[in-house]
C-alpha atoms as a PDB file:
ATOM      1  CA  UNK A   1       2.329 -37.798  49.543  1.00  0.00           C
ATOM      2  CA  UNK A   2       2.463 -39.142  46.006  1.00  0.00           C
ATOM      3  CA  UNK A   3      -1.220 -38.223  45.540  1.00  0.00           C
ATOM      4  CA  UNK A   4      -0.553 -34.729  46.894  1.00  0.00           C
ATOM      5  CA  UNK A   5       2.207 -34.195  44.324  1.00  0.00           C
ATOM      6  CA  UNK A   6      -0.074 -35.329  41.497  1.00  0.00           C
ATOM      7  CA  UNK A   7      -2.834 -32.943  42.624  1.00  0.00           C
ATOM      8  CA  UNK A   8      -0.346 -30.099  42.926  1.00  0.00           C
ATOM      9  CA  UNK A   9       0.985 -30.827  39.452  1.00  0.00           C
ATOM     10  CA  UNK A  10      -2.525 -30.937  38.031  1.00  0.00           C
ATOM     11  CA  UNK A  11      -3.432 -27.625  39.607  1.00  0.00           C
ATOM     12  CA  UNK A  12      -0.254 -26.049  38.207  1.00  0.00           C
ATOM     13  CA  UNK A  13      -1.074 -27.341  34.734  1.00  0.00           C
ATOM     14  CA  UNK A  14      -4.610 -25.955  34.956  1.00  0.00           C
ATOM     15  CA  UNK A  15      -3.242 -22.599  36.075  1.00  0.00           C
ATOM     16  CA  UNK A  16      -0.811 -22.553  33.147  1.00  0.00           C
ATOM     17  CA  UNK A  17      -3.602 -23.363  30.699  1.00  0.00           C
ATOM     18  CA  UNK A  18      -5.718 -20.624  32.244  1.00  0.00           C
ATOM     19  CA  UNK A  19      -2.907 -18.131  31.817  1.00  0.00           C
ATOM     20  CA  UNK A  20      -2.431 -19.147  28.191  1.00  0.00           C
ATOM     21  CA  UNK A  21      -6.160 -18.826  27.572  1.00  0.00           C
ATOM     22  CA  UNK A  22      -6.175 -15.398  29.161  1.00  0.00           C
ATOM     23  CA  UNK A  23      -3.219 -14.247  27.017  1.00  0.00           C
ATOM     24  CA  UNK A  24      -4.927 -15.596  23.896  1.00  0.00           C
ATOM     25  CA  UNK A  25      -8.144 -13.789  24.791  1.00  0.00           C
ATOM     26  CA  UNK A  26      -6.235 -10.535  25.361  1.00  0.00           C
ATOM     27  CA  UNK A  27      -4.473 -10.851  21.998  1.00  0.00           C
ATOM     28  CA  UNK A  28      -7.750 -11.557  20.225  1.00  0.00           C
ATOM     29  CA  UNK A  29      -9.392  -8.680  22.025  1.00  0.00           C
ATOM     30  CA  UNK A  30      -6.666  -6.267  20.873  1.00  0.00           C
ATOM     31  CA  UNK A  31      -6.986  -7.365  17.242  1.00  0.00           C
ATOM     32  CA  UNK A  32     -10.777  -7.253  17.438  1.00  0.00           C
ATOM     33  CA  UNK A  33     -10.618  -3.798  19.011  1.00  0.00           C
ATOM     34  CA  UNK A  34      -8.598  -2.434  16.087  1.00  0.00           C
ATOM     35  CA  UNK A  35     -11.008  -4.032  13.612  1.00  0.00           C
ATOM     36  CA  UNK A  36     -13.991  -2.500  15.411  1.00  0.00           C
ATOM     37  CA  UNK A  37     -12.260   0.897  15.477  1.00  0.00           C
ATOM     38  CA  UNK A  38     -11.740   0.792  11.711  1.00  0.00           C
ATOM     39  CA  UNK A  39     -15.312  -0.330  11.162  1.00  0.00           C
ATOM     40  CA  UNK A  40     -16.677   2.596  13.162  1.00  0.00           C
ATOM     41  CA  UNK A  41     -14.712   5.071  11.061  1.00  0.00           C
ATOM     42  CA  UNK A  42     -15.527   3.532   7.673  1.00  0.00           C
ATOM     43  CA  UNK A  43     -18.658   5.614   7.090  1.00  0.00           C
ATOM     44  CA  UNK A  44     -16.763   8.818   7.818  1.00  0.00           C
ATOM     45  CA  UNK A  45     -13.416   7.965   6.234  1.00  0.00           C
ATOM     46  CA  UNK A  46     -11.656  11.321   5.619  1.00  0.00           C
ATOM     47  CA  UNK A  47     -10.264   9.780   2.422  1.00  0.00           C
ATOM     48  CA  UNK A  48     -13.582  10.728   0.816  1.00  0.00           C
ATOM     49  CA  UNK A  49     -12.525  14.390   0.926  1.00  0.00           C
ATOM     50  CA  UNK A  50      -9.330  13.523  -0.966  1.00  0.00           C
ATOM     51  CA  UNK A  51     -11.324  11.467  -3.467  1.00  0.00           C
ATOM     52  CA  UNK A  52     -13.565  14.452  -4.238  1.00  0.00           C
ATOM     53  CA  UNK A  53     -10.536  16.705  -4.597  1.00  0.00           C
ATOM     54  CA  UNK A  54      -8.813  14.160  -6.844  1.00  0.00           C
ATOM     55  CA  UNK A  55     -11.780  13.915  -9.204  1.00  0.00           C
ATOM     56  CA  UNK A  56     -11.883  17.708  -9.456  1.00  0.00           C
ATOM     57  CA  UNK A  57      -8.142  17.869 -10.168  1.00  0.00           C
ATOM     58  CA  UNK A  58      -8.490  15.229 -12.896  1.00  0.00           C
ATOM     59  CA  UNK A  59     -11.137  17.270 -14.692  1.00  0.00           C
ATOM     60  CA  UNK A  60      -9.761  20.797 -14.143  1.00  0.00           C
ATOM     61  CA  UNK A  61      -7.459  22.439 -16.748  1.00  0.00           C
ATOM     62  CA  UNK A  62      -4.124  23.025 -14.986  1.00  0.00           C
ATOM     63  CA  UNK A  63      -0.419  23.498 -15.530  1.00  0.00           C
ATOM     64  CA  UNK A  64       1.455  25.636 -18.058  1.00  0.00           C
ATOM     65  CA  UNK A  65      -0.680  24.192 -20.879  1.00  0.00           C
ATOM     66  CA  UNK A  66      -4.000  24.742 -19.045  1.00  0.00           C
ATOM     67  CA  UNK A  67      -5.270  21.258 -19.916  1.00  0.00           C
ATOM     68  CA  UNK A  68      -7.087  18.638 -17.830  1.00  0.00           C
ATOM     69  CA  UNK A  69      -5.891  15.072 -17.288  1.00  0.00           C
ATOM     70  CA  UNK A  70      -8.974  13.552 -18.918  1.00  0.00           C
ATOM     71  CA  UNK A  71      -6.939  12.282 -21.876  1.00  0.00           C
ATOM     72  CA  UNK A  72      -4.401  10.538 -19.607  1.00  0.00           C
ATOM     73  CA  UNK A  73      -4.036   6.820 -20.410  1.00  0.00           C
ATOM     74  CA  UNK A  74      -3.696   4.736 -17.234  1.00  0.00           C
ATOM     75  CA  UNK A  75      -3.450   1.517 -19.208  1.00  0.00           C
ATOM     76  CA  UNK A  76      -7.058   0.942 -20.262  1.00  0.00           C
ATOM     77  CA  UNK A  77      -7.271   3.727 -22.834  1.00  0.00           C
ATOM     78  CA  UNK A  78      -7.271   7.552 -22.723  1.00  0.00           C
ATOM     79  CA  UNK A  79      -9.456   8.840 -19.906  1.00  0.00           C
ATOM     80  CA  UNK A  80     -10.494   5.397 -18.618  1.00  0.00           C
ATOM     81  CA  UNK A  81     -10.156   5.382 -14.830  1.00  0.00           C
ATOM     82  CA  UNK A  82     -12.467   2.648 -13.573  1.00  0.00           C
ATOM     83  CA  UNK A  83     -10.521  -0.578 -13.111  1.00  0.00           C
ATOM     84  CA  UNK A  84      -7.126   0.982 -13.868  1.00  0.00           C
ATOM     85  CA  UNK A  85      -5.779   0.937 -10.290  1.00  0.00           C
ATOM     86  CA  UNK A  86      -6.118  -2.823  -9.784  1.00  0.00           C
ATOM     87  CA  UNK A  87      -4.112  -3.455 -12.983  1.00  0.00           C
ATOM     88  CA  UNK A  88      -1.080  -1.345 -12.068  1.00  0.00           C
ATOM     89  CA  UNK A  89       1.936  -1.301 -12.120  1.00  0.00           C
ATOM     90  CA  UNK A  90       2.072  -2.297 -15.780  1.00  0.00           C
ATOM     91  CA  UNK A  91       4.085  -1.816 -18.993  1.00  0.00           C
ATOM     92  CA  UNK A  92       3.425   1.327 -21.047  1.00  0.00           C
ATOM     93  CA  UNK A  93       4.611   1.315 -24.644  1.00  0.00           C
ATOM     94  CA  UNK A  94       4.708   5.121 -25.003  1.00  0.00           C
ATOM     95  CA  UNK A  95       7.298   5.491 -22.222  1.00  0.00           C
ATOM     96  CA  UNK A  96       8.953   2.076 -22.654  1.00  0.00           C
ATOM     97  CA  UNK A  97       8.665   1.584 -18.892  1.00  0.00           C
ATOM     98  CA  UNK A  98       6.799  -0.348 -16.261  1.00  0.00           C
ATOM     99  CA  UNK A  99       4.938   2.319 -14.292  1.00  0.00           C
ATOM    100  CA  UNK A 100       2.783   2.430 -11.189  1.00  0.00           C
ATOM    101  CA  UNK A 101      -0.091   4.878 -10.809  1.00  0.00           C
ATOM    102  CA  UNK A 102       1.993   7.756  -9.501  1.00  0.00           C
ATOM    103  CA  UNK A 103       4.834   7.509 -11.999  1.00  0.00           C
ATOM    104  CA  UNK A 104       2.211   7.304 -14.748  1.00  0.00           C
ATOM    105  CA  UNK A 105       0.479  10.407 -13.405  1.00  0.00           C
ATOM    106  CA  UNK A 106       3.834  12.205 -13.487  1.00  0.00           C
ATOM    107  CA  UNK A 107       4.133  11.291 -17.168  1.00  0.00           C
ATOM    108  CA  UNK A 108       0.649  12.640 -17.903  1.00  0.00           C
ATOM    109  CA  UNK A 109       1.169  15.810 -15.877  1.00  0.00           C
ATOM    110  CA  UNK A 110       4.362  16.511 -17.822  1.00  0.00           C
ATOM    111  CA  UNK A 111       3.235  15.548 -21.339  1.00  0.00           C
ATOM    112  CA  UNK A 112      -0.352  16.766 -21.168  1.00  0.00           C
ATOM    113  CA  UNK A 113      -0.252  19.656 -18.698  1.00  0.00           C
ATOM    114  CA  UNK A 114       3.349  20.858 -19.017  1.00  0.00           C
ATOM    115  CA  UNK A 115       4.531  20.294 -15.441  1.00  0.00           C
ATOM    116  CA  UNK A 116       8.114  19.172 -14.824  1.00  0.00           C
ATOM    117  CA  UNK A 117       8.025  15.618 -13.554  1.00  0.00           C
ATOM    118  CA  UNK A 118      11.522  15.747 -12.042  1.00  0.00           C
ATOM    119  CA  UNK A 119      10.613  18.781  -9.943  1.00  0.00           C
ATOM    120  CA  UNK A 120       7.445  17.144  -8.620  1.00  0.00           C
ATOM    121  CA  UNK A 121       9.315  13.905  -7.846  1.00  0.00           C
ATOM    122  CA  UNK A 122      11.853  15.901  -5.833  1.00  0.00           C
ATOM    123  CA  UNK A 123       9.163  17.702  -3.823  1.00  0.00           C
ATOM    124  CA  UNK A 124       8.754  16.457  -0.210  1.00  0.00           C
ATOM    125  CA  UNK A 125       5.666  14.392   0.571  1.00  0.00           C
ATOM    126  CA  UNK A 126       2.670  16.493   1.579  1.00  0.00           C
ATOM    127  CA  UNK A 127       3.968  19.582  -0.228  1.00  0.00           C
ATOM    128  CA  UNK A 128       3.137  21.317  -3.522  1.00  0.00           C
ATOM    129  CA  UNK A 129       2.082  19.039  -6.375  1.00  0.00           C
ATOM    130  CA  UNK A 130       2.720  15.991  -4.188  1.00  0.00           C
ATOM    131  CA  UNK A 131      -0.594  16.882  -2.539  1.00  0.00           C
ATOM    132  CA  UNK A 132      -2.164  16.795  -6.005  1.00  0.00           C
ATOM    133  CA  UNK A 133      -0.786  13.313  -6.625  1.00  0.00           C
ATOM    134  CA  UNK A 134      -2.101  12.087  -3.266  1.00  0.00           C
ATOM    135  CA  UNK A 135      -5.610  13.317  -4.084  1.00  0.00           C
ATOM    136  CA  UNK A 136      -5.504  11.897  -7.612  1.00  0.00           C
ATOM    137  CA  UNK A 137      -4.319   8.544  -6.237  1.00  0.00           C
ATOM    138  CA  UNK A 138      -7.176   8.536  -3.720  1.00  0.00           C
ATOM    139  CA  UNK A 139      -9.839   9.134  -6.362  1.00  0.00           C
ATOM    140  CA  UNK A 140      -8.395   6.820  -9.020  1.00  0.00           C
ATOM    141  CA  UNK A 141      -7.955   3.942  -6.559  1.00  0.00           C
ATOM    142  CA  UNK A 142     -11.503   4.527  -5.239  1.00  0.00           C
ATOM    143  CA  UNK A 143     -12.820   4.049  -8.785  1.00  0.00           C
ATOM    144  CA  UNK A 144     -11.578   0.443  -8.560  1.00  0.00           C
ATOM    145  CA  UNK A 145     -12.904  -0.223  -5.053  1.00  0.00           C
ATOM    146  CA  UNK A 146     -14.369  -3.708  -4.790  1.00  0.00           C
ATOM    147  CA  UNK A 147     -12.521  -4.971  -7.872  1.00  0.00           C
ATOM    148  CA  UNK A 148      -9.945  -7.758  -7.787  1.00  0.00           C
ATOM    149  CA  UNK A 149      -6.204  -7.079  -7.982  1.00  0.00           C
ATOM    150  CA  UNK A 150      -4.943  -8.220 -11.400  1.00  0.00           C
ATOM    151  CA  UNK A 151      -1.444  -6.796 -11.964  1.00  0.00           C
ATOM    152  CA  UNK A 152      -0.325  -8.056 -15.405  1.00  0.00           C
ATOM    153  CA  UNK A 153       2.741 -10.165 -16.181  1.00  0.00           C
ATOM    154  CA  UNK A 154       2.358 -10.553 -19.943  1.00  0.00           C
ATOM    155  CA  UNK A 155       5.277  -8.292 -20.953  1.00  0.00           C
ATOM    156  CA  UNK A 156       8.894  -9.363 -20.367  1.00  0.00           C
ATOM    157  CA  UNK A 157       9.610  -6.113 -18.502  1.00  0.00           C
ATOM    158  CA  UNK A 158       6.695  -6.753 -16.148  1.00  0.00           C
ATOM    159  CA  UNK A 159       8.201 -10.129 -15.288  1.00  0.00           C
ATOM    160  CA  UNK A 160      11.665  -8.571 -14.893  1.00  0.00           C
ATOM    161  CA  UNK A 161      10.255  -6.002 -12.490  1.00  0.00           C
ATOM    162  CA  UNK A 162       8.601  -8.753 -10.472  1.00  0.00           C
ATOM    163  CA  UNK A 163      11.990 -10.465 -10.101  1.00  0.00           C
ATOM    164  CA  UNK A 164      13.615  -7.132  -9.180  1.00  0.00           C
ATOM    165  CA  UNK A 165      10.886  -6.460  -6.619  1.00  0.00           C
ATOM    166  CA  UNK A 166      11.308  -9.919  -5.123  1.00  0.00           C
ATOM    167  CA  UNK A 167      15.028  -9.339  -4.757  1.00  0.00           C
ATOM    168  CA  UNK A 168      14.468  -5.926  -3.154  1.00  0.00           C
ATOM    169  CA  UNK A 169      11.833  -7.367  -0.793  1.00  0.00           C
ATOM    170  CA  UNK A 170      14.267  -9.904   0.665  1.00  0.00           C
ATOM    171  CA  UNK A 171      17.400  -7.719   0.569  1.00  0.00           C
ATOM    172  CA  UNK A 172      18.806  -7.201   4.055  1.00  0.00           C
ATOM    173  CA  UNK A 173      21.000  -4.254   4.978  1.00  0.00           C
ATOM    174  CA  UNK A 174      21.381  -1.043   6.926  1.00  0.00           C
ATOM    175  CA  UNK A 175      22.359  -0.630  10.583  1.00  0.00           C
ATOM    176  CA  UNK A 176      19.556  -2.968  11.735  1.00  0.00           C
ATOM    177  CA  UNK A 177      20.048  -5.621   9.026  1.00  0.00           C
ATOM    178  CA  UNK A 178      16.367  -5.338   8.069  1.00  0.00           C
ATOM    179  CA  UNK A 179      14.510  -6.193   4.889  1.00  0.00           C
ATOM    180  CA  UNK A 180      10.877  -5.829   3.860  1.00  0.00           C
ATOM    181  CA  UNK A 181      10.587  -9.546   4.604  1.00  0.00           C
ATOM    182  CA  UNK A 182      11.674  -8.966   8.212  1.00  0.00           C
ATOM    183  CA  UNK A 183       8.170  -7.666   8.911  1.00  0.00           C
ATOM    184  CA  UNK A 184       6.131  -8.996   5.988  1.00  0.00           C
ATOM    185  CA  UNK A 185       7.751 -12.302   5.036  1.00  0.00           C
ATOM    186  CA  UNK A 186       5.777 -14.821   7.089  1.00  0.00           C
ATOM    187  CA  UNK A 187       2.444 -15.390   8.805  1.00  0.00           C
ATOM    188  CA  UNK A 188       1.602 -14.365  12.363  1.00  0.00           C
ATOM    189  CA  UNK A 189       3.888 -11.377  12.830  1.00  0.00           C
ATOM    190  CA  UNK A 190       2.818  -8.284  14.766  1.00  0.00           C
ATOM    191  CA  UNK A 191       4.271  -4.969  15.869  1.00  0.00           C
ATOM    192  CA  UNK A 192       2.650  -3.567  19.019  1.00  0.00           C
ATOM    193  CA  UNK A 193      -1.089  -4.103  18.368  1.00  0.00           C
ATOM    194  CA  UNK A 194      -0.734  -4.135  14.581  1.00  0.00           C
ATOM    195  CA  UNK A 195      -0.956  -7.381  12.612  1.00  0.00           C
ATOM    196  CA  UNK A 196       1.634  -7.514   9.821  1.00  0.00           C
ATOM    197  CA  UNK A 197       0.377  -9.149   6.611  1.00  0.00           C
ATOM    198  CA  UNK A 198       2.517 -11.692   4.795  1.00  0.00           C
ATOM    199  CA  UNK A 199       3.125  -9.983   1.452  1.00  0.00           C
ATOM    200  CA  UNK A 200       4.907 -12.924  -0.178  1.00  0.00           C
ATOM    201  CA  UNK A 201       1.442 -14.302  -0.993  1.00  0.00           C
ATOM    202  CA  UNK A 202      -2.156 -13.065  -1.200  1.00  0.00           C
ATOM    203  CA  UNK A 203      -2.846 -11.903   2.377  1.00  0.00           C
ATOM    204  CA  UNK A 204      -6.590 -11.603   1.712  1.00  0.00           C
ATOM    205  CA  UNK A 205      -9.190  -9.036   0.695  1.00  0.00           C
ATOM    206  CA  UNK A 206      -8.447  -5.465   1.697  1.00  0.00           C
ATOM    207  CA  UNK A 207      -5.102  -6.307   3.262  1.00  0.00           C
ATOM    208  CA  UNK A 208      -1.591  -5.164   2.310  1.00  0.00           C
ATOM    209  CA  UNK A 209      -1.365  -4.031  -1.311  1.00  0.00           C
ATOM    210  CA  UNK A 210      -5.176  -4.041  -1.622  1.00  0.00           C
ATOM    211  CA  UNK A 211      -5.537  -1.394   1.110  1.00  0.00           C
ATOM    212  CA  UNK A 212      -3.269   1.368  -0.248  1.00  0.00           C
ATOM    213  CA  UNK A 213      -3.367   4.323  -0.745  1.00  0.00           C
ATOM    214  CA  UNK A 214      -4.821   5.018   2.690  1.00  0.00           C
ATOM    215  CA  UNK A 215      -5.731   7.790   5.096  1.00  0.00           C
ATOM    216  CA  UNK A 216      -3.393   7.699   8.125  1.00  0.00           C
ATOM    217  CA  UNK A 217      -5.349   8.589  11.253  1.00  0.00           C
ATOM    218  CA  UNK A 218      -2.115   8.962  13.246  1.00  0.00           C
ATOM    219  CA  UNK A 219      -0.843  11.790  11.035  1.00  0.00           C
ATOM    220  CA  UNK A 220      -4.110  13.068   9.556  1.00  0.00           C
ATOM    221  CA  UNK A 221      -2.736  12.679   6.022  1.00  0.00           C
ATOM    222  CA  UNK A 222      -3.432  10.751   2.856  1.00  0.00           C
ATOM    223  CA  UNK A 223      -0.578   8.377   2.105  1.00  0.00           C
ATOM    224  CA  UNK A 224      -0.022   7.118  -1.415  1.00  0.00           C
ATOM    225  CA  UNK A 225       1.647   3.779  -2.173  1.00  0.00           C
ATOM    226  CA  UNK A 226       4.876   5.610  -3.024  1.00  0.00           C
ATOM    227  CA  UNK A 227       4.868   7.370   0.331  1.00  0.00           C
ATOM    228  CA  UNK A 228       4.176   4.087   2.141  1.00  0.00           C
ATOM    229  CA  UNK A 229       7.077   2.332   0.399  1.00  0.00           C
ATOM    230  CA  UNK A 230       9.527   5.182   0.925  1.00  0.00           C
ATOM    231  CA  UNK A 231       8.584   5.265   4.606  1.00  0.00           C
ATOM    232  CA  UNK A 232       9.249   1.526   4.895  1.00  0.00           C
ATOM    233  CA  UNK A 233      12.823   2.210   3.764  1.00  0.00           C
ATOM    234  CA  UNK A 234      13.059   4.951   6.388  1.00  0.00           C
ATOM    235  CA  UNK A 235      11.936   2.527   9.077  1.00  0.00           C
ATOM    236  CA  UNK A 236      14.650   0.130   7.945  1.00  0.00           C
ATOM    237  CA  UNK A 237      17.130   3.029   8.374  1.00  0.00           C
ATOM    238  CA  UNK A 238      17.777   3.125   4.624  1.00  0.00           C
ATOM    239  CA  UNK A 239      17.844   6.382   2.637  1.00  0.00           C
ATOM    240  CA  UNK A 240      14.675   7.129   0.672  1.00  0.00           C
ATOM    241  CA  UNK A 241      14.963   5.296  -2.680  1.00  0.00           C
ATOM    242  CA  UNK A 242      13.262   8.254  -4.392  1.00  0.00           C
ATOM    243  CA  UNK A 243       9.762   9.039  -5.580  1.00  0.00           C
ATOM    244  CA  UNK A 244       8.678   6.848  -8.519  1.00  0.00           C
ATOM    245  CA  UNK A 245      12.059   5.085  -8.539  1.00  0.00           C
ATOM    246  CA  UNK A 246      12.421   1.707 -10.241  1.00  0.00           C
ATOM    247  CA  UNK A 247      12.853  -0.135  -6.945  1.00  0.00           C
ATOM    248  CA  UNK A 248       9.589   1.222  -5.485  1.00  0.00           C
ATOM    249  CA  UNK A 249       7.726   0.388  -8.692  1.00  0.00           C
ATOM    250  CA  UNK A 250       9.290  -3.091  -8.689  1.00  0.00           C
ATOM    251  CA  UNK A 251       8.164  -3.647  -5.098  1.00  0.00           C
ATOM    252  CA  UNK A 252       4.671  -2.626  -6.201  1.00  0.00           C
ATOM    253  CA  UNK A 253       4.782  -5.219  -8.982  1.00  0.00           C
ATOM    254  CA  UNK A 254       5.971  -7.921  -6.553  1.00  0.00           C
ATOM    255  CA  UNK A 255       3.277  -7.191  -3.979  1.00  0.00           C
ATOM    256  CA  UNK A 256       0.568  -6.624  -6.576  1.00  0.00           C
ATOM    257  CA  UNK A 257       1.180  -9.874  -8.424  1.00  0.00           C
ATOM    258  CA  UNK A 258       1.293 -11.755  -5.111  1.00  0.00           C
ATOM    259  CA  UNK A 259      -2.034 -10.153  -4.142  1.00  0.00           C
ATOM    260  CA  UNK A 260      -3.805 -11.436  -7.276  1.00  0.00           C
ATOM    261  CA  UNK A 261      -7.504 -11.898  -6.651  1.00  0.00           C
ATOM    262  CA  UNK A 262      -7.666  -9.803  -3.484  1.00  0.00           C
ATOM    263  CA  UNK A 263     -10.448  -7.226  -3.337  1.00  0.00           C
ATOM    264  CA  UNK A 264      -9.273  -3.609  -3.291  1.00  0.00           C
ATOM    265  CA  UNK A 265     -10.658  -1.355  -0.542  1.00  0.00           C
ATOM    266  CA  UNK A 266      -8.395   1.598  -1.335  1.00  0.00           C
ATOM    267  CA  UNK A 267      -8.235   4.250  -0.174  1.00  0.00           C
ATOM    268  CA  UNK A 268      -8.477   2.501   3.170  1.00  0.00           C
ATOM    269  CA  UNK A 269      -8.245   3.803   6.718  1.00  0.00           C
ATOM    270  CA  UNK A 270      -5.021   3.124   8.636  1.00  0.00           C
ATOM    271  CA  UNK A 271      -3.773   3.992  12.103  1.00  0.00           C
END
């Protein structure tokens, strides 16, 4: 009888191990399936259409002043686009502010072309000149594709914004007591079939900060970094912090500095 119990126990243990192996294989299969899906769509990423539109918008005279954006300084000198995306957000002396790509584009559209930045910032995502900013973000980020993230921290304000972004990232509140860190503060987290990168450190090439802006297959829209961050607040049941607000720029600094050395694949393809 003793031998029978041992055999029964051994069989139960083997069954448990088999079940664990099966669950592990299913989890791996789901993650691999998503990766394969993205790979299949890479060659026909609809973001390319937004990139082409963005380049045209950069070079076309527009706005009340009928001027192009080709003299816009994104941090590397007037008109220099290549490499700018991977070094933003950053401090700009002419505005006395730390700015990300989109807030900087607002500055250029107002000063160079004569648009009203406050009106554009108040426009809903996917409407009016917000569509222009999405296309410009797609093209400008694509010009840095394959380059390494190198968000600067030389200026005191850049370091202050990193600290502000860190505080915002871990701040818990709202009806669900969520923070950014609730989903992106540690390794191994997932939501449904989606792996959630740990944004408190470099999550790797083409992941997290290094993958935005991105084309969202689920909505058929180009999402800029600002739209992604504002939507994260919505998912936490917080009010939108506002387009190009200090807190969204600070979060960009925090994530960008943490992602130092990661290879940018923006604009990426997202579900």
